[in-house]
Amino acid sequence: MGLFVSGFRTRLEEQGYTPLVIRNMLKDLGALGRWMQERDQQPGALTSTVIADFRSDCLASGR
């Protein structure tokens, strides 16, 4: 996901998000990237199903 961080940050700034919100969203993006990497999934495999699985895992682990 590292390749997408700069563009994601720029887009969030353009949409008017505050620096704190942007930082938190980038942390979430990093967590998603690590989670996908642990499962040998590439960013191109990101779908709504993958995000739902990530969210389920986060909730199950108390995050």
N, C-alpha and C. Protein backbone atom coordinates (compact mmCIF):
# COMPACT_ATOMS: atom_id res chain seq x y z
N MET A 1 0.82 -1.18 0.00
CA MET A 1 0.00 0.00 0.00
C MET A 1 0.87 1.25 0.00
N GLY A 2 2.14 1.09 0.28
CA GLY A 2 3.04 2.23 0.38
C GLY A 2 3.05 3.13 -0.85
N LEU A 3 2.86 2.55 -2.00
CA LEU A 3 2.87 3.34 -3.23
C LEU A 3 1.69 4.31 -3.31
N PHE A 4 0.66 4.05 -2.53
CA PHE A 4 -0.56 4.84 -2.62
C PHE A 4 -0.69 5.90 -1.54
N VAL A 5 0.22 5.91 -0.58
CA VAL A 5 0.11 6.80 0.57
C VAL A 5 0.10 8.27 0.16
N SER A 6 1.03 8.66 -0.67
CA SER A 6 1.14 10.06 -1.05
C SER A 6 -0.13 10.56 -1.75
N GLY A 7 -0.62 9.79 -2.70
CA GLY A 7 -1.83 10.17 -3.41
C GLY A 7 -3.04 10.19 -2.52
N PHE A 8 -3.12 9.23 -1.61
CA PHE A 8 -4.24 9.18 -0.67
C PHE A 8 -4.21 10.40 0.25
N ARG A 9 -3.02 10.73 0.76
CA ARG A 9 -2.88 11.91 1.61
C ARG A 9 -3.30 13.18 0.87
N THR A 10 -2.84 13.32 -0.35
CA THR A 10 -3.19 14.50 -1.15
C THR A 10 -4.70 14.59 -1.35
N ARG A 11 -5.32 13.47 -1.67
CA ARG A 11 -6.77 13.47 -1.90
C ARG A 11 -7.52 13.84 -0.62
N LEU A 12 -7.07 13.34 0.51
CA LEU A 12 -7.72 13.69 1.78
C LEU A 12 -7.56 15.18 2.08
N GLU A 13 -6.38 15.72 1.81
CA GLU A 13 -6.15 17.16 2.01
C GLU A 13 -7.08 17.97 1.11
N GLU A 14 -7.22 17.55 -0.15
CA GLU A 14 -8.09 18.24 -1.10
C GLU A 14 -9.54 18.23 -0.64
N GLN A 15 -9.91 17.18 0.06
CA GLN A 15 -11.29 17.06 0.54
C GLN A 15 -11.51 17.82 1.85
N GLY A 16 -10.45 18.41 2.39
CA GLY A 16 -10.58 19.25 3.58
C GLY A 16 -10.46 18.54 4.92
N TYR A 17 -9.95 17.33 4.92
CA TYR A 17 -9.76 16.64 6.19
C TYR A 17 -8.66 17.33 7.00
N THR A 18 -8.78 17.29 8.31
CA THR A 18 -7.79 17.90 9.18
C THR A 18 -6.54 17.02 9.24
N PRO A 19 -5.40 17.60 9.61
CA PRO A 19 -4.17 16.80 9.71
C PRO A 19 -4.31 15.59 10.65
N LEU A 20 -5.03 15.74 11.75
CA LEU A 20 -5.19 14.62 12.68
C LEU A 20 -6.00 13.49 12.05
N VAL A 21 -7.07 13.83 11.36
CA VAL A 21 -7.89 12.82 10.68
C VAL A 21 -7.07 12.14 9.60
N ILE A 22 -6.30 12.91 8.85
CA ILE A 22 -5.45 12.34 7.79
C ILE A 22 -4.45 11.37 8.40
N ARG A 23 -3.83 11.75 9.50
CA ARG A 23 -2.86 10.87 10.15
C ARG A 23 -3.51 9.56 10.56
N ASN A 24 -4.70 9.65 11.13
CA ASN A 24 -5.40 8.43 11.56
C ASN A 24 -5.80 7.56 10.37
N MET A 25 -6.22 8.19 9.29
CA MET A 25 -6.60 7.42 8.10
C MET A 25 -5.37 6.75 7.48
N LEU A 26 -4.24 7.42 7.52
CA LEU A 26 -3.01 6.82 6.99
C LEU A 26 -2.56 5.66 7.88
N LYS A 27 -2.78 5.78 9.18
CA LYS A 27 -2.48 4.65 10.08
C LYS A 27 -3.36 3.45 9.73
N ASP A 28 -4.63 3.72 9.45
CA ASP A 28 -5.54 2.64 9.05
C ASP A 28 -5.10 2.01 7.73
N LEU A 29 -4.67 2.84 6.80
CA LEU A 29 -4.18 2.33 5.52
C LEU A 29 -2.95 1.44 5.75
N GLY A 30 -2.06 1.86 6.63
CA GLY A 30 -0.89 1.05 6.95
C GLY A 30 -1.27 -0.28 7.56
N ALA A 31 -2.25 -0.26 8.47
CA ALA A 31 -2.72 -1.51 9.09
C ALA A 31 -3.32 -2.43 8.04
N LEU A 32 -4.10 -1.87 7.13
CA LEU A 32 -4.68 -2.66 6.05
C LEU A 32 -3.58 -3.26 5.18
N GLY A 33 -2.58 -2.47 4.85
CA GLY A 33 -1.47 -2.96 4.03
C GLY A 33 -0.72 -4.10 4.69
N ARG A 34 -0.46 -3.96 5.99
CA ARG A 34 0.23 -5.05 6.71
C ARG A 34 -0.63 -6.30 6.77
N TRP A 35 -1.92 -6.12 7.01
CA TRP A 35 -2.86 -7.24 7.07
C TRP A 35 -2.88 -7.97 5.73
N MET A 36 -2.95 -7.22 4.64
CA MET A 36 -2.95 -7.83 3.31
C MET A 36 -1.63 -8.54 3.03
N GLN A 37 -0.52 -7.92 3.44
CA GLN A 37 0.79 -8.52 3.21
C GLN A 37 0.91 -9.85 3.94
N GLU A 38 0.38 -9.92 5.17
CA GLU A 38 0.41 -11.16 5.93
C GLU A 38 -0.35 -12.28 5.22
N ARG A 39 -1.28 -11.90 4.37
CA ARG A 39 -2.10 -12.86 3.65
C ARG A 39 -1.68 -13.00 2.18
N ASP A 40 -0.52 -12.46 1.87
CA ASP A 40 0.03 -12.52 0.50
C ASP A 40 -0.94 -11.96 -0.54
N GLN A 41 -1.63 -10.87 -0.19
CA GLN A 41 -2.54 -10.21 -1.12
C GLN A 41 -1.91 -8.91 -1.58
N GLN A 42 -1.99 -8.67 -2.87
CA GLN A 42 -1.46 -7.45 -3.47
C GLN A 42 -2.53 -6.36 -3.44
N PRO A 43 -2.12 -5.09 -3.50
CA PRO A 43 -3.11 -4.00 -3.51
C PRO A 43 -4.16 -4.13 -4.61
N GLY A 44 -3.80 -4.72 -5.73
CA GLY A 44 -4.76 -4.92 -6.81
C GLY A 44 -5.89 -5.87 -6.45
N ALA A 45 -5.70 -6.63 -5.37
CA ALA A 45 -6.72 -7.58 -4.92
C ALA A 45 -7.70 -6.94 -3.94
N LEU A 46 -7.54 -5.64 -3.68
CA LEU A 46 -8.39 -4.96 -2.71
C LEU A 46 -9.81 -4.83 -3.26
N THR A 47 -10.73 -5.42 -2.55
CA THR A 47 -12.15 -5.37 -2.91
C THR A 47 -12.95 -5.04 -1.65
N SER A 48 -14.22 -4.82 -1.81
CA SER A 48 -15.06 -4.56 -0.64
C SER A 48 -15.10 -5.79 0.27
N THR A 49 -14.98 -6.97 -0.29
CA THR A 49 -14.95 -8.20 0.52
C THR A 49 -13.68 -8.25 1.36
N VAL A 50 -12.55 -7.89 0.77
CA VAL A 50 -11.29 -7.87 1.51
C VAL A 50 -11.37 -6.86 2.65
N ILE A 51 -11.93 -5.70 2.38
CA ILE A 51 -12.07 -4.68 3.42
C ILE A 51 -13.00 -5.17 4.53
N ALA A 52 -14.07 -5.84 4.16
CA ALA A 52 -14.98 -6.39 5.18
C ALA A 52 -14.26 -7.43 6.04
N ASP A 53 -13.43 -8.28 5.42
CA ASP A 53 -12.66 -9.26 6.17
C ASP A 53 -11.68 -8.57 7.12
N PHE A 54 -11.02 -7.52 6.64
CA PHE A 54 -10.09 -6.75 7.47
C PHE A 54 -10.83 -6.15 8.67
N ARG A 55 -11.97 -5.55 8.41
CA ARG A 55 -12.75 -4.94 9.50
C ARG A 55 -13.18 -6.00 10.52
N SER A 56 -13.59 -7.16 10.03
CA SER A 56 -13.99 -8.24 10.94
C SER A 56 -12.83 -8.68 11.82
N ASP A 57 -11.65 -8.81 11.22
CA ASP A 57 -10.47 -9.18 11.99
C ASP A 57 -10.12 -8.11 13.02
N CYS A 58 -10.24 -6.85 12.63
CA CYS A 58 -9.96 -5.75 13.57
C CYS A 58 -10.93 -5.78 14.74
N LEU A 59 -12.20 -5.96 14.45
CA LEU A 59 -13.20 -6.00 15.52
C LEU A 59 -12.97 -7.21 16.43
N ALA A 60 -12.64 -8.34 15.84
CA ALA A 60 -12.41 -9.55 16.62
C ALA A 60 -11.20 -9.40 17.54
N SER A 61 -10.22 -8.57 17.12
CA SER A 61 -9.03 -8.40 17.95
C SER A 61 -9.14 -7.16 18.86
N GLY A 62 -10.32 -6.54 18.87
CA GLY A 62 -10.55 -5.41 19.78
C GLY A 62 -10.07 -4.07 19.27
N ARG A 63 -9.81 -3.96 17.96
CA ARG A 63 -9.35 -2.68 17.40
C ARG A 63 -10.50 -1.98 16.73
